[in-house]
Amino acid sequence: MSELLDNTPRNDAPTKSPSKTIKTNIGLQEAEKSRKEAKRAEMARLVSQGSQYTELVELEADLSDRSLLCRLEKRDEVEERLLSQHEQECQIVTCKTYLFLSSWMCKRSVIG
């Protein structure tokens, strides 16, 4: 029982010969290599197979492109409106006693 708990081998237990140990190590290495190669082959097959959701991805990309284009068009419209506006020089005359402005056009151009 103490051998099981301590994980120490018994002295009277038969030991493996070095040649058997080397053969088992080589066998384990070959098995590991073949397992890795099979895993790589499976991954390559899955990658080449593609996704069943590719059309959804393309649709989402198309929608995002459209929304970006819409935002850019709106920005261009605002920019065009701002460029179409022009400044007018006017001289504002104000009477502080009667709160008189010289013209309603000047008043509107100052406010707007």
PDB file of N, CA and C in Angstrom:
ATOM      1  N   MET A   1       0.816  -1.193   0.000  1.00  0.00           N
ATOM      2  CA  MET A   1       0.000   0.000   0.000  1.00  0.00           C
ATOM      3  C   MET A   1       0.865   1.264   0.000  1.00  0.00           C
ATOM      4  N   SER A   2       1.944   1.248   0.704  1.00  0.00           N
ATOM      5  CA  SER A   2       2.824   2.411   0.751  1.00  0.00           C
ATOM      6  C   SER A   2       3.442   2.688  -0.611  1.00  0.00           C
ATOM      7  N   GLU A   3       3.607   1.636  -1.420  1.00  0.00           N
ATOM      8  CA  GLU A   3       4.147   1.837  -2.760  1.00  0.00           C
ATOM      9  C   GLU A   3       3.179   2.637  -3.624  1.00  0.00           C
ATOM     10  N   LEU A   4       1.890   2.405  -3.462  1.00  0.00           N
ATOM     11  CA  LEU A   4       0.891   3.131  -4.236  1.00  0.00           C
ATOM     12  C   LEU A   4       0.796   4.586  -3.817  1.00  0.00           C
ATOM     13  N   LEU A   5       0.881   4.824  -2.526  1.00  0.00           N
ATOM     14  CA  LEU A   5       0.755   6.182  -2.020  1.00  0.00           C
ATOM     15  C   LEU A   5       2.011   7.010  -2.284  1.00  0.00           C
ATOM     16  N   ASP A   6       3.156   6.414  -2.191  1.00  0.00           N
ATOM     17  CA  ASP A   6       4.411   7.141  -2.355  1.00  0.00           C
ATOM     18  C   ASP A   6       4.846   7.252  -3.808  1.00  0.00           C
ATOM     19  N   ASN A   7       4.237   6.473  -4.671  1.00  0.00           N
ATOM     20  CA  ASN A   7       4.614   6.440  -6.081  1.00  0.00           C
ATOM     21  C   ASN A   7       6.083   6.063  -6.268  1.00  0.00           C
ATOM     22  N   THR A   8       6.588   5.247  -5.389  1.00  0.00           N
ATOM     23  CA  THR A   8       7.955   4.762  -5.526  1.00  0.00           C
ATOM     24  C   THR A   8       7.899   3.329  -6.012  1.00  0.00           C
ATOM     25  N   PRO A   9       8.705   2.985  -6.982  1.00  0.00           N
ATOM     26  CA  PRO A   9       8.667   1.614  -7.495  1.00  0.00           C
ATOM     27  C   PRO A   9       9.263   0.637  -6.494  1.00  0.00           C
ATOM     28  N   ARG A  10       8.759  -0.567  -6.563  1.00  0.00           N
ATOM     29  CA  ARG A  10       9.305  -1.605  -5.689  1.00  0.00           C
ATOM     30  C   ARG A  10      10.620  -2.080  -6.274  1.00  0.00           C
ATOM     31  N   ASN A  11      11.477  -2.517  -5.419  1.00  0.00           N
ATOM     32  CA  ASN A  11      12.775  -3.017  -5.865  1.00  0.00           C
ATOM     33  C   ASN A  11      12.657  -4.366  -6.548  1.00  0.00           C
ATOM     34  N   ASP A  12      11.681  -5.164  -6.166  1.00  0.00           N
ATOM     35  CA  ASP A  12      11.553  -6.496  -6.738  1.00  0.00           C
ATOM     36  C   ASP A  12      10.731  -6.498  -8.026  1.00  0.00           C
ATOM     37  N   ALA A  13      10.247  -5.323  -8.478  1.00  0.00           N
ATOM     38  CA  ALA A  13       9.474  -5.240  -9.712  1.00  0.00           C
ATOM     39  C   ALA A  13      10.417  -5.372 -10.899  1.00  0.00           C
ATOM     40  N   PRO A  14       9.974  -6.047 -11.955  1.00  0.00           N
ATOM     41  CA  PRO A  14      10.855  -6.201 -13.117  1.00  0.00           C
ATOM     42  C   PRO A  14      10.997  -4.868 -13.844  1.00  0.00           C
ATOM     43  N   THR A  15      12.199  -4.550 -14.259  1.00  0.00           N
ATOM     44  CA  THR A  15      12.457  -3.310 -14.989  1.00  0.00           C
ATOM     45  C   THR A  15      12.486  -3.612 -16.473  1.00  0.00           C
ATOM     46  N   LYS A  16      12.125  -2.608 -17.254  1.00  0.00           N
ATOM     47  CA  LYS A  16      12.120  -2.781 -18.697  1.00  0.00           C
ATOM     48  C   LYS A  16      13.539  -2.681 -19.225  1.00  0.00           C
ATOM     49  N   SER A  17      13.773  -3.369 -20.274  1.00  0.00           N
ATOM     50  CA  SER A  17      15.097  -3.296 -20.890  1.00  0.00           C
ATOM     51  C   SER A  17      15.186  -1.993 -21.675  1.00  0.00           C
ATOM     52  N   PRO A  18      16.366  -1.434 -21.860  1.00  0.00           N
ATOM     53  CA  PRO A  18      16.521  -0.175 -22.592  1.00  0.00           C
ATOM     54  C   PRO A  18      16.042  -0.269 -24.031  1.00  0.00           C
ATOM     55  N   SER A  19      16.178  -1.395 -24.667  1.00  0.00           N
ATOM     56  CA  SER A  19      15.754  -1.514 -26.064  1.00  0.00           C
ATOM     57  C   SER A  19      14.238  -1.418 -26.185  1.00  0.00           C
ATOM     58  N   LYS A  20      13.503  -1.988 -25.211  1.00  0.00           N
ATOM     59  CA  LYS A  20      12.036  -1.892 -25.233  1.00  0.00           C
ATOM     60  C   LYS A  20      11.597  -0.453 -24.988  1.00  0.00           C
ATOM     61  N   THR A  21      12.300   0.250 -24.113  1.00  0.00           N
ATOM     62  CA  THR A  21      11.971   1.639 -23.819  1.00  0.00           C
ATOM     63  C   THR A  21      12.193   2.510 -25.051  1.00  0.00           C
ATOM     64  N   ILE A  22      13.271   2.290 -25.772  1.00  0.00           N
ATOM     65  CA  ILE A  22      13.571   3.062 -26.982  1.00  0.00           C
ATOM     66  C   ILE A  22      12.521   2.794 -28.041  1.00  0.00           C
ATOM     67  N   LYS A  23      12.143   1.521 -28.186  1.00  0.00           N
ATOM     68  CA  LYS A  23      11.129   1.166 -29.184  1.00  0.00           C
ATOM     69  C   LYS A  23       9.787   1.807 -28.853  1.00  0.00           C
ATOM     70  N   THR A  24       9.413   1.811 -27.584  1.00  0.00           N
ATOM     71  CA  THR A  24       8.136   2.424 -27.216  1.00  0.00           C
ATOM     72  C   THR A  24       8.185   3.932 -27.403  1.00  0.00           C
ATOM     73  N   ASN A  25       9.339   4.554 -27.116  1.00  0.00           N
ATOM     74  CA  ASN A  25       9.477   5.998 -27.332  1.00  0.00           C
ATOM     75  C   ASN A  25       9.362   6.335 -28.808  1.00  0.00           C
ATOM     76  N   ILE A  26       9.998   5.535 -29.661  1.00  0.00           N
ATOM     77  CA  ILE A  26       9.920   5.770 -31.103  1.00  0.00           C
ATOM     78  C   ILE A  26       8.490   5.574 -31.578  1.00  0.00           C
ATOM     79  N   GLY A  27       7.827   4.556 -31.073  1.00  0.00           N
ATOM     80  CA  GLY A  27       6.430   4.315 -31.436  1.00  0.00           C
ATOM     81  C   GLY A  27       5.529   5.455 -30.997  1.00  0.00           C
ATOM     82  N   LEU A  28       5.773   5.978 -29.808  1.00  0.00           N
ATOM     83  CA  LEU A  28       4.977   7.109 -29.317  1.00  0.00           C
ATOM     84  C   LEU A  28       5.225   8.357 -30.155  1.00  0.00           C
ATOM     85  N   GLN A  29       6.473   8.584 -30.543  1.00  0.00           N
ATOM     86  CA  GLN A  29       6.797   9.751 -31.367  1.00  0.00           C
ATOM     87  C   GLN A  29       6.140   9.648 -32.735  1.00  0.00           C
ATOM     88  N   GLU A  30       6.168   8.447 -33.318  1.00  0.00           N
ATOM     89  CA  GLU A  30       5.529   8.256 -34.620  1.00  0.00           C
ATOM     90  C   GLU A  30       4.019   8.437 -34.521  1.00  0.00           C
ATOM     91  N   ALA A  31       3.431   7.928 -33.445  1.00  0.00           N
ATOM     92  CA  ALA A  31       1.991   8.088 -33.249  1.00  0.00           C
ATOM     93  C   ALA A  31       1.637   9.565 -33.078  1.00  0.00           C
ATOM     94  N   GLU A  32       2.468  10.284 -32.353  1.00  0.00           N
ATOM     95  CA  GLU A  32       2.238  11.720 -32.152  1.00  0.00           C
ATOM     96  C   GLU A  32       2.361  12.478 -33.472  1.00  0.00           C
ATOM     97  N   LYS A  33       3.371  12.113 -34.287  1.00  0.00           N
ATOM     98  CA  LYS A  33       3.531  12.751 -35.593  1.00  0.00           C
ATOM     99  C   LYS A  33       2.329  12.496 -36.482  1.00  0.00           C
ATOM    100  N   SER A  34       1.883  11.241 -36.512  1.00  0.00           N
ATOM    101  CA  SER A  34       0.738  10.915 -37.376  1.00  0.00           C
ATOM    102  C   SER A  34      -0.521  11.621 -36.886  1.00  0.00           C
ATOM    103  N   ARG A  35      -0.678  11.764 -35.580  1.00  0.00           N
ATOM    104  CA  ARG A  35      -1.830  12.473 -35.019  1.00  0.00           C
ATOM    105  C   ARG A  35      -1.790  13.954 -35.406  1.00  0.00           C
ATOM    106  N   LYS A  36      -0.594  14.557 -35.337  1.00  0.00           N
ATOM    107  CA  LYS A  36      -0.451  15.965 -35.721  1.00  0.00           C
ATOM    108  C   LYS A  36      -0.726  16.157 -37.206  1.00  0.00           C
ATOM    109  N   GLU A  37      -0.216  15.233 -38.034  1.00  0.00           N
ATOM    110  CA  GLU A  37      -0.451  15.333 -39.473  1.00  0.00           C
ATOM    111  C   GLU A  37      -1.930  15.183 -39.801  1.00  0.00           C
ATOM    112  N   ALA A  38      -2.606  14.270 -39.110  1.00  0.00           N
ATOM    113  CA  ALA A  38      -4.044  14.092 -39.332  1.00  0.00           C
ATOM    114  C   ALA A  38      -4.805  15.345 -38.920  1.00  0.00           C
ATOM    115  N   LYS A  39      -4.378  15.952 -37.825  1.00  0.00           N
ATOM    116  CA  LYS A  39      -5.034  17.174 -37.364  1.00  0.00           C
ATOM    117  C   LYS A  39      -4.816  18.313 -38.361  1.00  0.00           C
ATOM    118  N   ARG A  40      -3.589  18.440 -38.887  1.00  0.00           N
ATOM    119  CA  ARG A  40      -3.299  19.469 -39.889  1.00  0.00           C
ATOM    120  C   ARG A  40      -4.121  19.245 -41.154  1.00  0.00           C
ATOM    121  N   ALA A  41      -4.219  17.976 -41.575  1.00  0.00           N
ATOM    122  CA  ALA A  41      -4.994  17.661 -42.774  1.00  0.00           C
ATOM    123  C   ALA A  41      -6.467  18.005 -42.570  1.00  0.00           C
ATOM    124  N   GLU A  42      -6.982  17.714 -41.390  1.00  0.00           N
ATOM    125  CA  GLU A  42      -8.382  18.036 -41.084  1.00  0.00           C
ATOM    126  C   GLU A  42      -8.600  19.542 -41.085  1.00  0.00           C
ATOM    127  N   MET A  43      -7.659  20.296 -40.495  1.00  0.00           N
ATOM    128  CA  MET A  43      -7.781  21.755 -40.483  1.00  0.00           C
ATOM    129  C   MET A  43      -7.706  22.319 -41.896  1.00  0.00           C
ATOM    130  N   ALA A  44      -6.812  21.774 -42.729  1.00  0.00           N
ATOM    131  CA  ALA A  44      -6.698  22.238 -44.113  1.00  0.00           C
ATOM    132  C   ALA A  44      -7.984  21.948 -44.877  1.00  0.00           C
ATOM    133  N   ARG A  45      -8.586  20.795 -44.619  1.00  0.00           N
ATOM    134  CA  ARG A  45      -9.842  20.448 -45.283  1.00  0.00           C
ATOM    135  C   ARG A  45     -10.947  21.413 -44.868  1.00  0.00           C
ATOM    136  N   LEU A  46     -11.009  21.724 -43.575  1.00  0.00           N
ATOM    137  CA  LEU A  46     -12.043  22.641 -43.092  1.00  0.00           C
ATOM    138  C   LEU A  46     -11.855  24.046 -43.655  1.00  0.00           C
ATOM    139  N   VAL A  47     -10.602  24.488 -43.748  1.00  0.00           N
ATOM    140  CA  VAL A  47     -10.340  25.825 -44.288  1.00  0.00           C
ATOM    141  C   VAL A  47     -10.704  25.883 -45.761  1.00  0.00           C
ATOM    142  N   SER A  48     -10.346  24.833 -46.508  1.00  0.00           N
ATOM    143  CA  SER A  48     -10.654  24.835 -47.941  1.00  0.00           C
ATOM    144  C   SER A  48     -12.147  24.667 -48.198  1.00  0.00           C
ATOM    145  N   GLN A  49     -12.847  24.070 -47.261  1.00  0.00           N
ATOM    146  CA  GLN A  49     -14.288  23.862 -47.409  1.00  0.00           C
ATOM    147  C   GLN A  49     -15.034  25.186 -47.400  1.00  0.00           C
ATOM    148  N   GLY A  50     -14.566  26.120 -46.618  1.00  0.00           N
ATOM    149  CA  GLY A  50     -15.234  27.416 -46.541  1.00  0.00           C
ATOM    150  C   GLY A  50     -16.318  27.404 -45.479  1.00  0.00           C
ATOM    151  N   SER A  51     -17.081  28.479 -45.465  1.00  0.00           N
ATOM    152  CA  SER A  51     -18.120  28.642 -44.455  1.00  0.00           C
ATOM    153  C   SER A  51     -19.480  28.668 -45.118  1.00  0.00           C
ATOM    154  N   GLN A  52     -20.461  28.178 -44.394  1.00  0.00           N
ATOM    155  CA  GLN A  52     -21.822  28.233 -44.921  1.00  0.00           C
ATOM    156  C   GLN A  52     -22.431  29.614 -44.736  1.00  0.00           C
ATOM    157  N   TYR A  53     -21.739  30.473 -44.022  1.00  0.00           N
ATOM    158  CA  TYR A  53     -22.258  31.806 -43.745  1.00  0.00           C
ATOM    159  C   TYR A  53     -21.581  32.880 -44.594  1.00  0.00           C
ATOM    160  N   THR A  54     -20.899  32.510 -45.658  1.00  0.00           N
ATOM    161  CA  THR A  54     -20.185  33.500 -46.461  1.00  0.00           C
ATOM    162  C   THR A  54     -21.131  34.528 -47.058  1.00  0.00           C
ATOM    163  N   GLU A  55     -22.313  34.094 -47.476  1.00  0.00           N
ATOM    164  CA  GLU A  55     -23.245  35.068 -48.056  1.00  0.00           C
ATOM    165  C   GLU A  55     -23.743  36.045 -47.000  1.00  0.00           C
ATOM    166  N   LEU A  56     -23.871  35.594 -45.752  1.00  0.00           N
ATOM    167  CA  LEU A  56     -24.259  36.517 -44.683  1.00  0.00           C
ATOM    168  C   LEU A  56     -23.149  37.533 -44.415  1.00  0.00           C
ATOM    169  N   VAL A  57     -21.914  37.081 -44.464  1.00  0.00           N
ATOM    170  CA  VAL A  57     -20.788  37.988 -44.258  1.00  0.00           C
ATOM    171  C   VAL A  57     -20.738  39.015 -45.382  1.00  0.00           C
ATOM    172  N   GLU A  58     -20.950  38.554 -46.617  1.00  0.00           N
ATOM    173  CA  GLU A  58     -20.950  39.476 -47.753  1.00  0.00           C
ATOM    174  C   GLU A  58     -22.103  40.470 -47.651  1.00  0.00           C
ATOM    175  N   LEU A  59     -23.265  39.999 -47.212  1.00  0.00           N
ATOM    176  CA  LEU A  59     -24.421  40.880 -47.045  1.00  0.00           C
ATOM    177  C   LEU A  59     -24.141  41.938 -45.985  1.00  0.00           C
ATOM    178  N   GLU A  60     -23.546  41.530 -44.874  1.00  0.00           N
ATOM    179  CA  GLU A  60     -23.211  42.484 -43.808  1.00  0.00           C
ATOM    180  C   GLU A  60     -22.190  43.506 -44.294  1.00  0.00           C
ATOM    181  N   ALA A  61     -21.210  43.056 -45.057  1.00  0.00           N
ATOM    182  CA  ALA A  61     -20.215  43.978 -45.600  1.00  0.00           C
ATOM    183  C   ALA A  61     -20.871  44.956 -46.566  1.00  0.00           C
ATOM    184  N   ASP A  62     -21.814  44.470 -47.371  1.00  0.00           N
ATOM    185  CA  ASP A  62     -22.522  45.339 -48.311  1.00  0.00           C
ATOM    186  C   ASP A  62     -23.354  46.381 -47.564  1.00  0.00           C
ATOM    187  N   LEU A  63     -24.034  45.948 -46.497  1.00  0.00           N
ATOM    188  CA  LEU A  63     -24.833  46.891 -45.705  1.00  0.00           C
ATOM    189  C   LEU A  63     -23.949  47.944 -45.038  1.00  0.00           C
ATOM    190  N   SER A  64     -22.807  47.527 -44.528  1.00  0.00           N
ATOM    191  CA  SER A  64     -21.922  48.505 -43.887  1.00  0.00           C
ATOM    192  C   SER A  64     -21.362  49.480 -44.922  1.00  0.00           C
ATOM    193  N   ASP A  65     -21.073  48.979 -46.132  1.00  0.00           N
ATOM    194  CA  ASP A  65     -20.608  49.878 -47.194  1.00  0.00           C
ATOM    195  C   ASP A  65     -21.691  50.880 -47.578  1.00  0.00           C
ATOM    196  N   ARG A  66     -22.928  50.404 -47.656  1.00  0.00           N
ATOM    197  CA  ARG A  66     -24.033  51.305 -48.005  1.00  0.00           C
ATOM    198  C   ARG A  66     -24.237  52.373 -46.938  1.00  0.00           C
ATOM    199  N   SER A  67     -24.182  51.965 -45.664  1.00  0.00           N
ATOM    200  CA  SER A  67     -24.373  52.954 -44.597  1.00  0.00           C
ATOM    201  C   SER A  67     -23.242  53.979 -44.605  1.00  0.00           C
ATOM    202  N   LEU A  68     -22.024  53.527 -44.859  1.00  0.00           N
ATOM    203  CA  LEU A  68     -20.898  54.456 -44.949  1.00  0.00           C
ATOM    204  C   LEU A  68     -21.089  55.414 -46.114  1.00  0.00           C
ATOM    205  N   LEU A  69     -21.523  54.893 -47.256  1.00  0.00           N
ATOM    206  CA  LEU A  69     -21.759  55.730 -48.426  1.00  0.00           C
ATOM    207  C   LEU A  69     -22.865  56.746 -48.154  1.00  0.00           C
ATOM    208  N   CYS A  70     -23.914  56.316 -47.459  1.00  0.00           N
ATOM    209  CA  CYS A  70     -25.020  57.222 -47.125  1.00  0.00           C
ATOM    210  C   CYS A  70     -24.520  58.359 -46.229  1.00  0.00           C
ATOM    211  N   ARG A  71     -23.724  58.016 -45.221  1.00  0.00           N
ATOM    212  CA  ARG A  71     -23.188  59.054 -44.338  1.00  0.00           C
ATOM    213  C   ARG A  71     -22.289  60.024 -45.104  1.00  0.00           C
ATOM    214  N   LEU A  72     -21.474  59.494 -46.010  1.00  0.00           N
ATOM    215  CA  LEU A  72     -20.600  60.367 -46.788  1.00  0.00           C
ATOM    216  C   LEU A  72     -21.399  61.278 -47.711  1.00  0.00           C
ATOM    217  N   GLU A  73     -22.485  60.744 -48.293  1.00  0.00           N
ATOM    218  CA  GLU A  73     -23.330  61.574 -49.153  1.00  0.00           C
ATOM    219  C   GLU A  73     -23.987  62.690 -48.356  1.00  0.00           C
ATOM    220  N   LYS A  74     -24.471  62.381 -47.153  1.00  0.00           N
ATOM    221  CA  LYS A  74     -25.080  63.414 -46.312  1.00  0.00           C
ATOM    222  C   LYS A  74     -24.052  64.475 -45.944  1.00  0.00           C
ATOM    223  N   ARG A  75     -22.844  64.044 -45.634  1.00  0.00           N
ATOM    224  CA  ARG A  75     -21.793  65.002 -45.303  1.00  0.00           C
ATOM    225  C   ARG A  75     -21.488  65.901 -46.495  1.00  0.00           C
ATOM    226  N   ASP A  76     -21.461  65.317 -47.685  1.00  0.00           N
ATOM    227  CA  ASP A  76     -21.213  66.109 -48.890  1.00  0.00           C
ATOM    228  C   ASP A  76     -22.337  67.103 -49.143  1.00  0.00           C
ATOM    229  N   GLU A  77     -23.588  66.690 -48.886  1.00  0.00           N
ATOM    230  CA  GLU A  77     -24.720  67.607 -49.057  1.00  0.00           C
ATOM    231  C   GLU A  77     -24.597  68.799 -48.116  1.00  0.00           C
ATOM    232  N   VAL A  78     -24.258  68.536 -46.874  1.00  0.00           N
ATOM    233  CA  VAL A  78     -24.094  69.621 -45.904  1.00  0.00           C
ATOM    234  C   VAL A  78     -22.946  70.525 -46.331  1.00  0.00           C
ATOM    235  N   GLU A  79     -21.872  69.930 -46.798  1.00  0.00           N
ATOM    236  CA  GLU A  79     -20.734  70.721 -47.253  1.00  0.00           C
ATOM    237  C   GLU A  79     -21.107  71.588 -48.453  1.00  0.00           C
ATOM    238  N   GLU A  80     -21.886  71.040 -49.372  1.00  0.00           N
ATOM    239  CA  GLU A  80     -22.339  71.816 -50.536  1.00  0.00           C
ATOM    240  C   GLU A  80     -23.214  72.985 -50.099  1.00  0.00           C
ATOM    241  N   ARG A  81     -24.109  72.727 -49.145  1.00  0.00           N
ATOM    242  CA  ARG A  81     -24.964  73.819 -48.652  1.00  0.00           C
ATOM    243  C   ARG A  81     -24.134  74.910 -48.008  1.00  0.00           C
ATOM    244  N   LEU A  82     -23.140  74.514 -47.233  1.00  0.00           N
ATOM    245  CA  LEU A  82     -22.290  75.511 -46.593  1.00  0.00           C
ATOM    246  C   LEU A  82     -21.471  76.287 -47.616  1.00  0.00           C
ATOM    247  N   LEU A  83     -21.030  75.613 -48.661  1.00  0.00           N
ATOM    248  CA  LEU A  83     -20.256  76.307 -49.686  1.00  0.00           C
ATOM    249  C   LEU A  83     -21.125  77.234 -50.523  1.00  0.00           C
ATOM    250  N   SER A  84     -22.401  76.892 -50.672  1.00  0.00           N
ATOM    251  CA  SER A  84     -23.288  77.734 -51.481  1.00  0.00           C
ATOM    252  C   SER A  84     -23.680  79.017 -50.743  1.00  0.00           C
ATOM    253  N   GLN A  85     -23.566  78.999 -49.433  1.00  0.00           N
ATOM    254  CA  GLN A  85     -23.866  80.215 -48.684  1.00  0.00           C
ATOM    255  C   GLN A  85     -22.689  81.173 -48.835  1.00  0.00           C
ATOM    256  N   HIS A  86     -23.018  82.415 -48.919  1.00  0.00           N
ATOM    257  CA  HIS A  86     -21.963  83.400 -49.051  1.00  0.00           C
ATOM    258  C   HIS A  86     -22.200  84.529 -48.057  1.00  0.00           C
ATOM    259  N   GLU A  87     -21.134  85.165 -47.743  1.00  0.00           N
ATOM    260  CA  GLU A  87     -21.210  86.251 -46.772  1.00  0.00           C
ATOM    261  C   GLU A  87     -21.502  87.558 -47.496  1.00  0.00           C
ATOM    262  N   GLN A  88     -22.255  88.372 -46.803  1.00  0.00           N
ATOM    263  CA  GLN A  88     -22.529  89.710 -47.314  1.00  0.00           C
ATOM    264  C   GLN A  88     -22.011  90.710 -46.293  1.00  0.00           C
ATOM    265  N   GLU A  89     -21.305  91.644 -46.806  1.00  0.00           N
ATOM    266  CA  GLU A  89     -20.830  92.688 -45.915  1.00  0.00           C
ATOM    267  C   GLU A  89     -21.950  93.693 -45.704  1.00  0.00           C
ATOM    268  N   CYS A  90     -22.158  94.049 -44.476  1.00  0.00           N
ATOM    269  CA  CYS A  90     -23.136  95.097 -44.180  1.00  0.00           C
ATOM    270  C   CYS A  90     -22.663  95.838 -42.937  1.00  0.00           C
ATOM    271  N   GLN A  91     -23.114  97.005 -42.835  1.00  0.00           N
ATOM    272  CA  GLN A  91     -22.726  97.830 -41.715  1.00  0.00           C
ATOM    273  C   GLN A  91     -23.941  97.956 -40.819  1.00  0.00           C
ATOM    274  N   ILE A  92     -23.768  97.606 -39.573  1.00  0.00           N
ATOM    275  CA  ILE A  92     -24.890  97.640 -38.645  1.00  0.00           C
ATOM    276  C   ILE A  92     -24.819  98.947 -37.862  1.00  0.00           C
ATOM    277  N   VAL A  93     -25.942  99.636 -37.886  1.00  0.00           N
ATOM    278  CA  VAL A  93     -26.068 100.870 -37.124  1.00  0.00           C
ATOM    279  C   VAL A  93     -27.105 100.598 -36.049  1.00  0.00           C
ATOM    280  N   THR A  94     -26.726 100.839 -34.820  1.00  0.00           N
ATOM    281  CA  THR A  94     -27.634 100.561 -33.720  1.00  0.00           C
ATOM    282  C   THR A  94     -27.812 101.818 -32.889  1.00  0.00           C
ATOM    283  N   CYS A  95     -29.068 102.089 -32.582  1.00  0.00           N
ATOM    284  CA  CYS A  95     -29.370 103.204 -31.701  1.00  0.00           C
ATOM    285  C   CYS A  95     -29.671 102.607 -30.336  1.00  0.00           C
ATOM    286  N   LYS A  96     -28.866 102.897 -29.353  1.00  0.00           N
ATOM    287  CA  LYS A  96     -29.055 102.318 -28.037  1.00  0.00           C
ATOM    288  C   LYS A  96     -30.248 102.920 -27.302  1.00  0.00           C
ATOM    289  N   THR A  97     -30.668 104.107 -27.692  1.00  0.00           N
ATOM    290  CA  THR A  97     -31.821 104.723 -27.045  1.00  0.00           C
ATOM    291  C   THR A  97     -33.109 104.058 -27.495  1.00  0.00           C
ATOM    292  N   TYR A  98     -33.269 103.878 -28.805  1.00  0.00           N
ATOM    293  CA  TYR A  98     -34.519 103.332 -29.332  1.00  0.00           C
ATOM    294  C   TYR A  98     -34.385 101.874 -29.796  1.00  0.00           C
ATOM    295  N   LEU A  99     -33.208 101.277 -29.630  1.00  0.00           N
ATOM    296  CA  LEU A  99     -32.925  99.906 -30.065  1.00  0.00           C
ATOM    297  C   LEU A  99     -33.258  99.704 -31.539  1.00  0.00           C
ATOM    298  N   PHE A 100     -32.747 100.582 -32.352  1.00  0.00           N
ATOM    299  CA  PHE A 100     -33.024 100.537 -33.777  1.00  0.00           C
ATOM    300  C   PHE A 100     -31.843  99.903 -34.500  1.00  0.00           C
ATOM    301  N   LEU A 101     -32.161  98.944 -35.394  1.00  0.00           N
ATOM    302  CA  LEU A 101     -31.145  98.390 -36.290  1.00  0.00           C
ATOM    303  C   LEU A 101     -31.379  98.969 -37.663  1.00  0.00           C
ATOM    304  N   SER A 102     -30.338  99.120 -38.433  1.00  0.00           N
ATOM    305  CA  SER A 102     -30.456  99.804 -39.716  1.00  0.00           C
ATOM    306  C   SER A 102     -31.296  99.025 -40.718  1.00  0.00           C
ATOM    307  N   SER A 103     -31.232  97.720 -40.745  1.00  0.00           N
ATOM    308  CA  SER A 103     -31.983  96.985 -41.743  1.00  0.00           C
ATOM    309  C   SER A 103     -32.293  95.588 -41.215  1.00  0.00           C
ATOM    310  N   TRP A 104     -33.447  95.055 -41.623  1.00  0.00           N
ATOM    311  CA  TRP A 104     -33.787  93.697 -41.199  1.00  0.00           C
ATOM    312  C   TRP A 104     -32.894  92.674 -41.898  1.00  0.00           C
ATOM    313  N   MET A 105     -32.364  92.977 -43.082  1.00  0.00           N
ATOM    314  CA  MET A 105     -31.443  92.081 -43.783  1.00  0.00           C
ATOM    315  C   MET A 105     -30.136  91.947 -42.997  1.00  0.00           C
ATOM    316  N   CYS A 106     -29.674  93.066 -42.482  1.00  0.00           N
ATOM    317  CA  CYS A 106     -28.441  93.027 -41.699  1.00  0.00           C
ATOM    318  C   CYS A 106     -28.668  92.267 -40.401  1.00  0.00           C
ATOM    319  N   LYS A 107     -29.832  92.477 -39.820  1.00  0.00           N
ATOM    320  CA  LYS A 107     -30.155  91.790 -38.583  1.00  0.00           C
ATOM    321  C   LYS A 107     -30.187  90.283 -38.821  1.00  0.00           C
ATOM    322  N   ARG A 108     -30.789  89.857 -39.924  1.00  0.00           N
ATOM    323  CA  ARG A 108     -30.897  88.437 -40.216  1.00  0.00           C
ATOM    324  C   ARG A 108     -29.518  87.844 -40.538  1.00  0.00           C
ATOM    325  N   SER A 109     -28.695  88.575 -41.224  1.00  0.00           N
ATOM    326  CA  SER A 109     -27.377  88.046 -41.576  1.00  0.00           C
ATOM    327  C   SER A 109     -26.476  87.941 -40.349  1.00  0.00           C
ATOM    328  N   VAL A 110     -26.684  88.802 -39.367  1.00  0.00           N
ATOM    329  CA  VAL A 110     -25.895  88.731 -38.142  1.00  0.00           C
ATOM    330  C   VAL A 110     -26.347  87.539 -37.315  1.00  0.00           C
ATOM    331  N   ILE A 111     -27.655  87.316 -37.228  1.00  0.00           N
ATOM    332  CA  ILE A 111     -28.188  86.223 -36.415  1.00  0.00           C
ATOM    333  C   ILE A 111     -27.938  84.880 -37.093  1.00  0.00           C
ATOM    334  N   GLY A 112     -28.246  84.772 -38.366  1.00  0.00           N
ATOM    335  CA  GLY A 112     -28.198  83.498 -39.071  1.00  0.00           C
ATOM    336  C   GLY A 112     -26.872  83.226 -39.612  1.00  0.00           C
TER     337      GLY A 112
END
